[in-house]
Amino acid sequence: MTISEQIKILEELAGIDAELKTMDEELTGDRSTLTTLKASLKKLEDKRGEGKTALDANEKNRNEFIIDVRTMMQQVEHSRDKLNRSRTERESNAAQREVEELRKLLRDREDEIGRLTTEGDALRLSLEGTQEEIKKLEAELGSNEGAITQKLGSVESQRAQRQKARDEVAKKLPPVVYRRYETIRGRRGVGIAQTSDGTCKACNMALPPQLYHRLRREPLIEQCQSCQRLIYFVPPVAGQEAEH
């Protein structure tokens, strides 16, 4: 196989690799979009679950305090009756202290009920907001998931075809050349470079004059001393050489 043939194969291989890279980026972006939407939905659903748990606990505590208040009001009435029936100053003072203590506890319970009511209202409002966010995200996911999934399947199919074509092209290269190409591509992303004017078109660095003249004299595959890519000469387009 001549060097010119190897160059053509390398160009074809690099072209396919560029296509595969574009497809991979497209697949990654679409998968990321779906993953992000689903993760956001899961986060909101978790938030809704936590909100419901907090609201249930709030309502349970509030109901317990309401029951306490009803019980204490009965106890206050009972203590008042004791106060009214007291016959001695000692009995009267004891009944009065009992009434005052119950009233203080009653006020504390009522304050706590007020606090829990305010907290419960805020929890309900937050829960309603979360539910609205979930509805919007579910609608967005519902409208996009099918299209994205279909697109992913199409791109994956195209990619498989291009990968198969790449494998066939790669077999045409001498193993040592293919290994060099793959090593460089793994490091640099692109394995080949061209020169038409003594400058590497991949890294824009000037080639040593002796190397450039060798590349111009005959078909050769060398390596750019700056970026290490496989480099070869291509004639400049009409008028380009005069500019340089």
C-alpha atoms as a PDB file:
ATOM      1  CA  MET A   1       0.000   0.000   0.000  1.00  0.00           C
ATOM      2  CA  THR A   2       1.380   3.380  -1.006  1.00  0.00           C
ATOM      3  CA  ILE A   3       1.667   6.349   1.349  1.00  0.00           C
ATOM      4  CA  SER A   4      -0.863   8.239  -0.778  1.00  0.00           C
ATOM      5  CA  GLU A   5      -3.363   5.438  -0.250  1.00  0.00           C
ATOM      6  CA  GLN A   6      -2.674   5.442   3.471  1.00  0.00           C
ATOM      7  CA  ILE A   7      -3.294   9.192   3.575  1.00  0.00           C
ATOM      8  CA  LYS A   8      -6.655   8.795   1.849  1.00  0.00           C
ATOM      9  CA  ILE A   9      -7.651   6.070   4.291  1.00  0.00           C
ATOM     10  CA  LEU A  10      -6.554   8.193   7.259  1.00  0.00           C
ATOM     11  CA  GLU A  11      -8.626  11.099   5.945  1.00  0.00           C
ATOM     12  CA  GLU A  12     -11.651   8.840   5.571  1.00  0.00           C
ATOM     13  CA  LEU A  13     -11.094   7.431   9.048  1.00  0.00           C
ATOM     14  CA  ALA A  14     -10.729  10.893  10.566  1.00  0.00           C
ATOM     15  CA  GLY A  15     -13.936  11.991   8.820  1.00  0.00           C
ATOM     16  CA  ILE A  16     -15.863   9.080  10.284  1.00  0.00           C
ATOM     17  CA  ASP A  17     -14.348   9.752  13.712  1.00  0.00           C
ATOM     18  CA  ALA A  18     -15.529  13.362  13.477  1.00  0.00           C
ATOM     19  CA  GLU A  19     -19.052  12.128  12.658  1.00  0.00           C
ATOM     20  CA  LEU A  20     -18.981   9.669  15.553  1.00  0.00           C
ATOM     21  CA  LYS A  21     -17.812  12.409  17.915  1.00  0.00           C
ATOM     22  CA  THR A  22     -20.704  14.645  16.834  1.00  0.00           C
ATOM     23  CA  MET A  23     -23.153  11.774  17.311  1.00  0.00           C
ATOM     24  CA  ASP A  24     -21.723  10.960  20.745  1.00  0.00           C
ATOM     25  CA  GLU A  25     -22.069  14.591  21.807  1.00  0.00           C
ATOM     26  CA  GLU A  26     -25.656  14.613  20.527  1.00  0.00           C
ATOM     27  CA  LEU A  27     -26.474  11.393  22.361  1.00  0.00           C
ATOM     28  CA  THR A  28     -24.856  12.671  25.543  1.00  0.00           C
ATOM     29  CA  GLY A  29     -26.801  15.929  25.361  1.00  0.00           C
ATOM     30  CA  ASP A  30     -30.162  14.248  24.770  1.00  0.00           C
ATOM     31  CA  ARG A  31     -29.576  11.649  27.470  1.00  0.00           C
ATOM     32  CA  SER A  32     -28.527  14.417  29.827  1.00  0.00           C
ATOM     33  CA  THR A  33     -31.742  16.320  29.057  1.00  0.00           C
ATOM     34  CA  LEU A  34     -33.874  13.296  29.951  1.00  0.00           C
ATOM     35  CA  THR A  35     -31.783  12.494  33.009  1.00  0.00           C
ATOM     36  CA  THR A  36     -32.021  16.087  34.242  1.00  0.00           C
ATOM     37  CA  LEU A  37     -35.795  16.207  33.759  1.00  0.00           C
ATOM     38  CA  LYS A  38     -36.309  12.886  35.531  1.00  0.00           C
ATOM     39  CA  ALA A  39     -33.941  13.841  38.349  1.00  0.00           C
ATOM     40  CA  SER A  40     -35.757  17.168  38.807  1.00  0.00           C
ATOM     41  CA  LEU A  41     -39.100  15.368  38.879  1.00  0.00           C
ATOM     42  CA  LYS A  42     -37.801  12.860  41.434  1.00  0.00           C
ATOM     43  CA  LYS A  43     -36.500  15.699  43.586  1.00  0.00           C
ATOM     44  CA  LEU A  44     -39.869  17.449  43.493  1.00  0.00           C
ATOM     45  CA  GLU A  45     -41.707  14.213  44.292  1.00  0.00           C
ATOM     46  CA  ASP A  46     -39.410  13.684  47.277  1.00  0.00           C
ATOM     47  CA  LYS A  47     -40.072  17.257  48.348  1.00  0.00           C
ATOM     48  CA  ARG A  48     -43.813  16.653  48.043  1.00  0.00           C
ATOM     49  CA  GLY A  49     -43.512  13.504  50.149  1.00  0.00           C
ATOM     50  CA  GLU A  50     -41.543  15.343  52.828  1.00  0.00           C
ATOM     51  CA  GLY A  51     -44.096  18.167  52.755  1.00  0.00           C
ATOM     52  CA  LYS A  52     -46.994  15.763  53.227  1.00  0.00           C
ATOM     53  CA  THR A  53     -45.202  14.048  56.104  1.00  0.00           C
ATOM     54  CA  ALA A  54     -44.530  17.412  57.767  1.00  0.00           C
ATOM     55  CA  LEU A  55     -48.142  18.524  57.252  1.00  0.00           C
ATOM     56  CA  ASP A  56     -49.507  15.255  58.680  1.00  0.00           C
ATOM     57  CA  ALA A  57     -47.287  15.648  61.739  1.00  0.00           C
ATOM     58  CA  ASN A  58     -48.388  19.265  62.104  1.00  0.00           C
ATOM     59  CA  GLU A  59     -52.073  18.363  61.954  1.00  0.00           C
ATOM     60  CA  LYS A  60     -51.601  15.498  64.387  1.00  0.00           C
ATOM     61  CA  ASN A  61     -49.867  17.759  66.931  1.00  0.00           C
ATOM     62  CA  ARG A  62     -52.473  20.482  66.447  1.00  0.00           C
ATOM     63  CA  ASN A  63     -55.340  18.043  67.015  1.00  0.00           C
ATOM     64  CA  GLU A  64     -53.653  16.717  70.151  1.00  0.00           C
ATOM     65  CA  PHE A  65     -53.323  20.259  71.518  1.00  0.00           C
ATOM     66  CA  ILE A  66     -56.972  20.980  70.697  1.00  0.00           C
ATOM     67  CA  ILE A  67     -57.985  17.891  72.697  1.00  0.00           C
ATOM     68  CA  ASP A  68     -55.716  19.084  75.543  1.00  0.00           C
ATOM     69  CA  VAL A  69     -57.421  22.490  75.484  1.00  0.00           C
ATOM     70  CA  ARG A  70     -60.883  20.927  75.712  1.00  0.00           C
ATOM     71  CA  THR A  71     -59.755  18.738  78.591  1.00  0.00           C
ATOM     72  CA  MET A  72     -58.155  21.704  80.392  1.00  0.00           C
ATOM     73  CA  MET A  73     -61.266  23.837  79.962  1.00  0.00           C
ATOM     74  CA  GLN A  74     -63.229  21.099  81.725  1.00  0.00           C
ATOM     75  CA  GLN A  75     -60.579  21.006  84.447  1.00  0.00           C
ATOM     76  CA  VAL A  76     -60.796  24.799  84.836  1.00  0.00           C
ATOM     77  CA  GLU A  77     -64.565  24.563  85.278  1.00  0.00           C
ATOM     78  CA  HIS A  78     -64.082  21.804  87.800  1.00  0.00           C
ATOM     79  CA  SER A  79     -61.514  23.897  89.713  1.00  0.00           C
ATOM     80  CA  ARG A  80     -63.872  26.872  89.688  1.00  0.00           C
ATOM     81  CA  ASP A  81     -66.551  24.719  91.227  1.00  0.00           C
ATOM     82  CA  LYS A  82     -64.081  23.672  93.917  1.00  0.00           C
ATOM     83  CA  LEU A  83     -63.272  27.334  94.487  1.00  0.00           C
ATOM     84  CA  ASN A  84     -66.948  28.193  94.846  1.00  0.00           C
ATOM     85  CA  ARG A  85     -67.482  25.317  97.258  1.00  0.00           C
ATOM     86  CA  SER A  86     -64.389  26.004  99.371  1.00  0.00           C
ATOM     87  CA  ARG A  87     -65.187  26.611 103.043  1.00  0.00           C
ATOM     88  CA  THR A  88     -61.819  27.656 104.373  1.00  0.00           C
ATOM     89  CA  GLU A  89     -59.194  30.136 103.239  1.00  0.00           C
ATOM     90  CA  ARG A  90     -56.752  27.266 102.754  1.00  0.00           C
ATOM     91  CA  GLU A  91     -59.146  25.435 100.436  1.00  0.00           C
ATOM     92  CA  SER A  92     -59.879  28.691  98.611  1.00  0.00           C
ATOM     93  CA  ASN A  93     -56.184  29.503  98.063  1.00  0.00           C
ATOM     94  CA  ALA A  94     -55.445  25.978  96.825  1.00  0.00           C
ATOM     95  CA  ALA A  95     -58.368  26.073  94.387  1.00  0.00           C
ATOM     96  CA  GLN A  96     -57.342  29.536  93.175  1.00  0.00           C
ATOM     97  CA  ARG A  97     -53.751  28.381  92.496  1.00  0.00           C
ATOM     98  CA  GLU A  98     -55.112  25.379  90.628  1.00  0.00           C
ATOM     99  CA  VAL A  99     -57.275  27.606  88.430  1.00  0.00           C
ATOM    100  CA  GLU A 100     -54.379  29.964  87.651  1.00  0.00           C
ATOM    101  CA  GLU A 101     -52.025  27.115  86.770  1.00  0.00           C
ATOM    102  CA  LEU A 102     -54.624  25.561  84.490  1.00  0.00           C
ATOM    103  CA  ARG A 103     -55.258  28.923  82.805  1.00  0.00           C
ATOM    104  CA  LYS A 104     -51.525  29.366  82.192  1.00  0.00           C
ATOM    105  CA  LEU A 105     -51.290  25.884  80.690  1.00  0.00           C
ATOM    106  CA  LEU A 106     -54.385  26.632  78.640  1.00  0.00           C
ATOM    107  CA  ARG A 107     -52.843  29.841  77.233  1.00  0.00           C
ATOM    108  CA  ASP A 108     -49.663  27.939  76.370  1.00  0.00           C
ATOM    109  CA  ARG A 109     -51.672  25.305  74.515  1.00  0.00           C
ATOM    110  CA  GLU A 110     -53.664  27.959  72.655  1.00  0.00           C
ATOM    111  CA  ASP A 111     -50.454  29.746  71.660  1.00  0.00           C
ATOM    112  CA  GLU A 112     -49.056  26.456  70.396  1.00  0.00           C
ATOM    113  CA  ILE A 113     -52.236  25.806  68.419  1.00  0.00           C
ATOM    114  CA  GLY A 114     -51.858  29.250  66.839  1.00  0.00           C
ATOM    115  CA  ARG A 115     -48.245  28.553  65.936  1.00  0.00           C
ATOM    116  CA  LEU A 116     -49.106  25.157  64.467  1.00  0.00           C
ATOM    117  CA  THR A 117     -51.987  26.684  62.487  1.00  0.00           C
ATOM    118  CA  THR A 118     -49.655  29.272  60.925  1.00  0.00           C
ATOM    119  CA  GLU A 119     -47.057  26.612  60.232  1.00  0.00           C
ATOM    120  CA  GLY A 120     -49.689  24.319  58.708  1.00  0.00           C
ATOM    121  CA  ASP A 121     -50.934  27.078  56.385  1.00  0.00           C
ATOM    122  CA  ALA A 122     -47.359  27.657  55.173  1.00  0.00           C
ATOM    123  CA  LEU A 123     -46.855  23.920  54.641  1.00  0.00           C
ATOM    124  CA  ARG A 124     -50.058  23.665  52.596  1.00  0.00           C
ATOM    125  CA  LEU A 125     -49.061  26.642  50.476  1.00  0.00           C
ATOM    126  CA  SER A 126     -45.620  25.146  49.857  1.00  0.00           C
ATOM    127  CA  LEU A 127     -47.172  21.771  49.050  1.00  0.00           C
ATOM    128  CA  GLU A 128     -49.533  23.355  46.526  1.00  0.00           C
ATOM    129  CA  GLY A 129     -46.582  25.125  44.868  1.00  0.00           C
ATOM    130  CA  THR A 130     -44.616  21.893  44.690  1.00  0.00           C
ATOM    131  CA  GLN A 131     -47.597  20.094  43.174  1.00  0.00           C
ATOM    132  CA  GLU A 132     -47.879  22.794  40.484  1.00  0.00           C
ATOM    133  CA  GLU A 133     -44.174  22.426  39.685  1.00  0.00           C
ATOM    134  CA  ILE A 134     -44.618  18.659  39.408  1.00  0.00           C
ATOM    135  CA  LYS A 135     -47.530  19.077  36.978  1.00  0.00           C
ATOM    136  CA  LYS A 136     -45.502  21.427  34.772  1.00  0.00           C
ATOM    137  CA  LEU A 137     -42.461  19.147  34.797  1.00  0.00           C
ATOM    138  CA  GLU A 138     -44.580  16.067  34.091  1.00  0.00           C
ATOM    139  CA  ALA A 139     -46.109  17.890  31.122  1.00  0.00           C
ATOM    140  CA  GLU A 140     -42.660  18.903  29.858  1.00  0.00           C
ATOM    141  CA  LEU A 141     -41.327  15.392  30.283  1.00  0.00           C
ATOM    142  CA  GLY A 142     -44.409  13.892  28.658  1.00  0.00           C
ATOM    143  CA  SER A 143     -44.086  16.122  25.597  1.00  0.00           C
ATOM    144  CA  ASN A 144     -40.320  15.642  25.216  1.00  0.00           C
ATOM    145  CA  GLU A 145     -39.544  12.112  26.358  1.00  0.00           C
ATOM    146  CA  GLY A 146     -41.106  10.340  23.387  1.00  0.00           C
ATOM    147  CA  ALA A 147     -39.436  12.588  20.825  1.00  0.00           C
ATOM    148  CA  ILE A 148     -36.047  12.421  22.539  1.00  0.00           C
ATOM    149  CA  THR A 149     -36.252   8.650  22.952  1.00  0.00           C
ATOM    150  CA  GLN A 150     -37.128   8.268  19.264  1.00  0.00           C
ATOM    151  CA  LYS A 151     -34.273  10.558  18.300  1.00  0.00           C
ATOM    152  CA  LEU A 152     -31.864   8.620  20.509  1.00  0.00           C
ATOM    153  CA  GLY A 153     -32.858   5.395  18.801  1.00  0.00           C
ATOM    154  CA  SER A 154     -32.326   6.933  15.371  1.00  0.00           C
ATOM    155  CA  VAL A 155     -28.925   8.411  16.232  1.00  0.00           C
ATOM    156  CA  GLU A 156     -27.808   5.198  17.939  1.00  0.00           C
ATOM    157  CA  SER A 157     -28.743   3.256  14.788  1.00  0.00           C
ATOM    158  CA  GLN A 158     -26.831   5.696  12.578  1.00  0.00           C
ATOM    159  CA  ARG A 159     -23.887   5.553  14.932  1.00  0.00           C
ATOM    160  CA  ALA A 160     -23.800   1.757  14.800  1.00  0.00           C
ATOM    161  CA  GLN A 161     -23.729   1.911  11.008  1.00  0.00           C
ATOM    162  CA  ARG A 162     -20.927   4.461  10.969  1.00  0.00           C
ATOM    163  CA  GLN A 163     -19.000   2.468  13.566  1.00  0.00           C
ATOM    164  CA  LYS A 164     -19.266  -0.597  11.339  1.00  0.00           C
ATOM    165  CA  ALA A 165     -18.014   1.455   8.393  1.00  0.00           C
ATOM    166  CA  ARG A 166     -15.150   2.730  10.541  1.00  0.00           C
ATOM    167  CA  ASP A 167     -14.132  -0.790  11.484  1.00  0.00           C
ATOM    168  CA  GLU A 168     -13.967  -1.706   7.796  1.00  0.00           C
ATOM    169  CA  VAL A 169     -11.896   1.363   6.932  1.00  0.00           C
ATOM    170  CA  ALA A 170      -9.531   0.794   9.868  1.00  0.00           C
ATOM    171  CA  LYS A 171      -8.760  -2.726   8.585  1.00  0.00           C
ATOM    172  CA  LYS A 172      -7.295  -1.221   5.413  1.00  0.00           C
ATOM    173  CA  LEU A 173      -4.501   0.559   7.276  1.00  0.00           C
ATOM    174  CA  PRO A 174      -1.235  -1.141   8.218  1.00  0.00           C
ATOM    175  CA  PRO A 175      -1.555  -2.070  11.919  1.00  0.00           C
ATOM    176  CA  VAL A 176       1.420   0.066  12.953  1.00  0.00           C
ATOM    177  CA  VAL A 177      -0.078   3.167  11.282  1.00  0.00           C
ATOM    178  CA  TYR A 178      -3.497   2.518  12.789  1.00  0.00           C
ATOM    179  CA  ARG A 179      -2.030   2.096  16.282  1.00  0.00           C
ATOM    180  CA  ARG A 180      -0.146   5.404  15.957  1.00  0.00           C
ATOM    181  CA  TYR A 181      -3.301   7.111  14.749  1.00  0.00           C
ATOM    182  CA  GLU A 182      -5.388   5.737  17.636  1.00  0.00           C
ATOM    183  CA  THR A 183      -2.764   6.667  20.233  1.00  0.00           C
ATOM    184  CA  ILE A 184      -2.603  10.249  18.978  1.00  0.00           C
ATOM    185  CA  ARG A 185      -6.383  10.521  18.602  1.00  0.00           C
ATOM    186  CA  GLY A 186      -6.793   9.308  22.181  1.00  0.00           C
ATOM    187  CA  ARG A 187      -4.540  12.105  23.395  1.00  0.00           C
ATOM    188  CA  ARG A 188      -5.472  14.901  21.007  1.00  0.00           C
ATOM    189  CA  GLY A 189      -9.016  14.105  19.906  1.00  0.00           C
ATOM    190  CA  VAL A 190      -7.964  14.332  16.257  1.00  0.00           C
ATOM    191  CA  GLY A 191      -5.216  12.071  14.936  1.00  0.00           C
ATOM    192  CA  ILE A 192      -4.176  13.766  11.689  1.00  0.00           C
ATOM    193  CA  ALA A 193      -3.189  17.207  10.466  1.00  0.00           C
ATOM    194  CA  GLN A 194      -2.375  18.823   7.139  1.00  0.00           C
ATOM    195  CA  THR A 195       0.108  21.407   5.998  1.00  0.00           C
ATOM    196  CA  SER A 196       0.073  23.487   2.855  1.00  0.00           C
ATOM    197  CA  ASP A 197       2.367  26.351   3.804  1.00  0.00           C
ATOM    198  CA  GLY A 198       4.761  24.988   6.413  1.00  0.00           C
ATOM    199  CA  THR A 199       2.297  25.465   9.262  1.00  0.00           C
ATOM    200  CA  CYS A 200       0.413  22.642  10.980  1.00  0.00           C
ATOM    201  CA  LYS A 201      -3.270  23.352  10.378  1.00  0.00           C
ATOM    202  CA  ALA A 202      -4.199  21.558  13.601  1.00  0.00           C
ATOM    203  CA  CYS A 203      -2.024  23.457  16.092  1.00  0.00           C
ATOM    204  CA  ASN A 204      -0.997  26.431  13.891  1.00  0.00           C
ATOM    205  CA  MET A 205       2.684  25.951  14.740  1.00  0.00           C
ATOM    206  CA  ALA A 206       5.426  26.279  12.106  1.00  0.00           C
ATOM    207  CA  LEU A 207       7.065  23.059  11.015  1.00  0.00           C
ATOM    208  CA  PRO A 208      10.855  22.751  10.837  1.00  0.00           C
ATOM    209  CA  PRO A 209      11.823  23.800   7.261  1.00  0.00           C
ATOM    210  CA  GLN A 210      13.593  20.497   6.594  1.00  0.00           C
ATOM    211  CA  LEU A 211      10.481  18.523   7.604  1.00  0.00           C
ATOM    212  CA  TYR A 212       8.234  20.713   5.484  1.00  0.00           C
ATOM    213  CA  HIS A 213      10.440  20.330   2.410  1.00  0.00           C
ATOM    214  CA  ARG A 214      10.449  16.552   2.810  1.00  0.00           C
ATOM    215  CA  LEU A 215       6.663  16.522   2.991  1.00  0.00           C
ATOM    216  CA  ARG A 216       6.452  18.639  -0.174  1.00  0.00           C
ATOM    217  CA  ARG A 217       8.901  16.517  -2.188  1.00  0.00           C
ATOM    218  CA  GLU A 218       7.034  13.229  -1.906  1.00  0.00           C
ATOM    219  CA  PRO A 219       4.016  11.697  -0.166  1.00  0.00           C
ATOM    220  CA  LEU A 220       5.043  11.165   3.454  1.00  0.00           C
ATOM    221  CA  ILE A 221       3.324  10.717   6.789  1.00  0.00           C
ATOM    222  CA  GLU A 222       5.324  12.369   9.556  1.00  0.00           C
ATOM    223  CA  GLN A 223       4.453  13.769  12.975  1.00  0.00           C
ATOM    224  CA  CYS A 224       4.062  17.415  13.883  1.00  0.00           C
ATOM    225  CA  GLN A 225       6.755  18.149  16.443  1.00  0.00           C
ATOM    226  CA  SER A 226       4.394  20.482  18.319  1.00  0.00           C
ATOM    227  CA  CYS A 227       1.112  18.524  18.575  1.00  0.00           C
ATOM    228  CA  GLN A 228       2.421  15.070  17.582  1.00  0.00           C
ATOM    229  CA  ARG A 229      -0.402  14.511  15.088  1.00  0.00           C
ATOM    230  CA  LEU A 230       0.259  12.544  11.912  1.00  0.00           C
ATOM    231  CA  ILE A 231       0.924  15.247   9.337  1.00  0.00           C
ATOM    232  CA  TYR A 232       1.099  15.242   5.542  1.00  0.00           C
ATOM    233  CA  PHE A 233       1.265  17.767   2.753  1.00  0.00           C
ATOM    234  CA  VAL A 234      -1.718  18.899   0.664  1.00  0.00           C
ATOM    235  CA  PRO A 235      -1.256  21.361  -2.181  1.00  0.00           C
ATOM    236  CA  PRO A 236      -2.636  24.837  -1.446  1.00  0.00           C
ATOM    237  CA  VAL A 237      -5.762  25.938  -3.242  1.00  0.00           C
ATOM    238  CA  ALA A 238      -5.372  28.306  -6.151  1.00  0.00           C
ATOM    239  CA  GLY A 239      -4.150  31.723  -5.025  1.00  0.00           C
ATOM    240  CA  GLN A 240      -3.365  30.571  -1.452  1.00  0.00           C
ATOM    241  CA  GLU A 241       0.312  29.878  -2.152  1.00  0.00           C
ATOM    242  CA  ALA A 242       0.803  33.325  -3.650  1.00  0.00           C
ATOM    243  CA  GLU A 243      -0.502  34.898  -0.471  1.00  0.00           C
ATOM    244  CA  HIS A 244       2.250  33.221   1.499  1.00  0.00           C
END
